[in-house]
C-alpha atoms as a PDB file:
ATOM      1  CA  MET A   1     -45.714 275.898-105.005  1.00  0.00           C
ATOM      2  CA  LYS A   2     -45.669 278.037-108.136  1.00  0.00           C
ATOM      3  CA  SER A   3     -43.809 281.314-108.229  1.00  0.00           C
ATOM      4  CA  VAL A   4     -45.533 284.534-109.217  1.00  0.00           C
ATOM      5  CA  SER A   5     -44.106 284.388-112.748  1.00  0.00           C
ATOM      6  CA  GLU A   6     -45.402 280.822-113.273  1.00  0.00           C
ATOM      7  CA  LYS A   7     -48.981 281.531-112.187  1.00  0.00           C
ATOM      8  CA  LYS A   8     -51.515 281.792-114.975  1.00  0.00           C
ATOM      9  CA  ALA A   9     -54.019 284.631-114.796  1.00  0.00           C
ATOM     10  CA  ILE A  10     -57.356 283.390-113.525  1.00  0.00           C
ATOM     11  CA  SER A  11     -60.158 283.938-116.027  1.00  0.00           C
ATOM     12  CA  ALA A  12     -63.799 283.335-115.246  1.00  0.00           C
ATOM     13  CA  TRP A  13     -64.386 282.680-118.956  1.00  0.00           C
ATOM     14  CA  ASP A  14     -62.367 279.460-118.818  1.00  0.00           C
ATOM     15  CA  TYR A  15     -65.214 277.873-116.844  1.00  0.00           C
ATOM     16  CA  LYS A  16     -68.096 278.933-119.114  1.00  0.00           C
ATOM     17  CA  PRO A  17     -69.361 277.048-122.201  1.00  0.00           C
ATOM     18  CA  TRP A  18     -68.766 278.367-125.726  1.00  0.00           C
ATOM     19  CA  TRP A  19     -72.215 279.926-125.953  1.00  0.00           C
ATOM     20  CA  CYS A  20     -71.561 282.049-122.856  1.00  0.00           C
ATOM     21  CA  GLN A  21     -68.272 283.638-123.919  1.00  0.00           C
ATOM     22  CA  PRO A  22     -67.735 287.396-124.416  1.00  0.00           C
ATOM     23  CA  TRP A  23     -67.958 287.160-128.210  1.00  0.00           C
ATOM     24  CA  SER A  24     -71.301 285.357-128.055  1.00  0.00           C
ATOM     25  CA  ILE A  25     -72.731 287.842-125.541  1.00  0.00           C
ATOM     26  CA  LEU A  26     -71.685 290.769-127.754  1.00  0.00           C
ATOM     27  CA  LEU A  27     -72.944 289.077-130.907  1.00  0.00           C
ATOM     28  CA  THR A  28     -76.315 288.202-129.378  1.00  0.00           C
ATOM     29  CA  GLY A  29     -76.884 291.641-127.871  1.00  0.00           C
ATOM     30  CA  THR A  30     -75.921 293.610-130.961  1.00  0.00           C
ATOM     31  CA  SER A  31     -77.902 291.264-133.213  1.00  0.00           C
ATOM     32  CA  LEU A  32     -81.053 291.703-131.153  1.00  0.00           C
ATOM     33  CA  ILE A  33     -80.698 295.484-130.946  1.00  0.00           C
ATOM     34  CA  SER A  34     -79.928 295.921-134.635  1.00  0.00           C
ATOM     35  CA  GLY A  35     -82.571 293.335-135.542  1.00  0.00           C
ATOM     36  CA  SER A  36     -85.237 295.312-133.731  1.00  0.00           C
ATOM     37  CA  TRP A  37     -84.203 298.410-135.678  1.00  0.00           C
ATOM     38  CA  PHE A  38     -84.099 296.713-139.091  1.00  0.00           C
ATOM     39  CA  LEU A  39     -87.381 294.921-138.468  1.00  0.00           C
ATOM     40  CA  LEU A  40     -89.446 297.756-136.972  1.00  0.00           C
ATOM     41  CA  LYS A  41     -87.533 300.970-137.835  1.00  0.00           C
ATOM     42  CA  THR A  42     -88.901 302.571-134.674  1.00  0.00           C
ATOM     43  CA  VAL A  43     -86.482 304.376-132.382  1.00  0.00           C
ATOM     44  CA  TRP A  44     -88.460 304.053-129.172  1.00  0.00           C
ATOM     45  CA  ILE A  45     -88.920 300.282-129.534  1.00  0.00           C
ATOM     46  CA  THR A  46     -85.236 299.858-130.331  1.00  0.00           C
ATOM     47  CA  VAL A  47     -84.370 301.894-127.221  1.00  0.00           C
ATOM     48  CA  LEU A  48     -86.736 299.744-125.133  1.00  0.00           C
ATOM     49  CA  VAL A  49     -85.004 296.634-126.479  1.00  0.00           C
ATOM     50  CA  ALA A  50     -81.513 298.122-126.066  1.00  0.00           C
ATOM     51  CA  ILE A  51     -81.771 299.224-122.422  1.00  0.00           C
ATOM     52  CA  PRO A  52     -82.187 295.774-120.819  1.00  0.00           C
ATOM     53  CA  LEU A  53     -79.823 294.167-123.330  1.00  0.00           C
ATOM     54  CA  LEU A  54     -77.070 296.701-122.653  1.00  0.00           C
ATOM     55  CA  ALA A  55     -77.571 296.204-118.913  1.00  0.00           C
ATOM     56  CA  TRP A  56     -77.320 292.419-119.390  1.00  0.00           C
ATOM     57  CA  MET A  57     -74.225 292.745-121.581  1.00  0.00           C
ATOM     58  CA  GLY A  58     -72.608 295.198-119.183  1.00  0.00           C
ATOM     59  CA  PHE A  59     -73.197 292.949-116.220  1.00  0.00           C
ATOM     60  CA  PHE A  60     -71.873 289.773-117.824  1.00  0.00           C
ATOM     61  CA  LEU A  61     -68.941 291.402-119.635  1.00  0.00           C
ATOM     62  CA  LEU A  62     -67.745 293.844-116.966  1.00  0.00           C
ATOM     63  CA  VAL A  63     -69.156 293.070-113.527  1.00  0.00           C
ATOM     64  CA  TRP A  64     -69.514 289.273-113.375  1.00  0.00           C
ATOM     65  CA  PRO A  65     -65.892 288.358-114.253  1.00  0.00           C
ATOM     66  CA  LYS A  66     -64.526 290.770-111.636  1.00  0.00           C
ATOM     67  CA  LEU A  67     -66.927 289.418-109.024  1.00  0.00           C
ATOM     68  CA  MET A  68     -65.883 285.833-109.754  1.00  0.00           C
ATOM     69  CA  VAL A  69     -62.165 286.598-109.470  1.00  0.00           C
ATOM     70  CA  SER A  70     -62.541 288.740-106.341  1.00  0.00           C
ATOM     71  CA  SER A  71     -64.818 286.194-104.627  1.00  0.00           C
ATOM     72  CA  GLY A  72     -62.102 283.554-104.689  1.00  0.00           C
ATOM     73  CA  ALA A  73     -64.476 280.983-106.170  1.00  0.00           C
ATOM     74  CA  LEU A  74     -62.028 280.279-109.000  1.00  0.00           C
ATOM     75  CA  ASP A  75     -59.008 279.773-106.736  1.00  0.00           C
ATOM     76  CA  SER A  76     -59.975 276.220-105.846  1.00  0.00           C
ATOM     77  CA  HIS A  77     -60.271 275.307-109.544  1.00  0.00           C
ATOM     78  CA  SER A  78     -56.889 276.724-110.515  1.00  0.00           C
ATOM     79  CA  ASP A  79     -54.835 274.265-108.426  1.00  0.00           C
END
């Protein structure tokens, strides 16, 4: 049995592919939001694009990792 100092912090990102990492989520979301602005130069369309994208980014960057760790689903993989 490992002591507390030997245990590695459990990260939900260790189990996701490269294209579903925090950097790729941020890059995709900001590219789509800024792309809609540079392409159309219309504030209301950019806001309509940004709202669901920011909700998606917020969920996958803030909520999902905490849910995975607190659910205990990653505990069986860390052994």
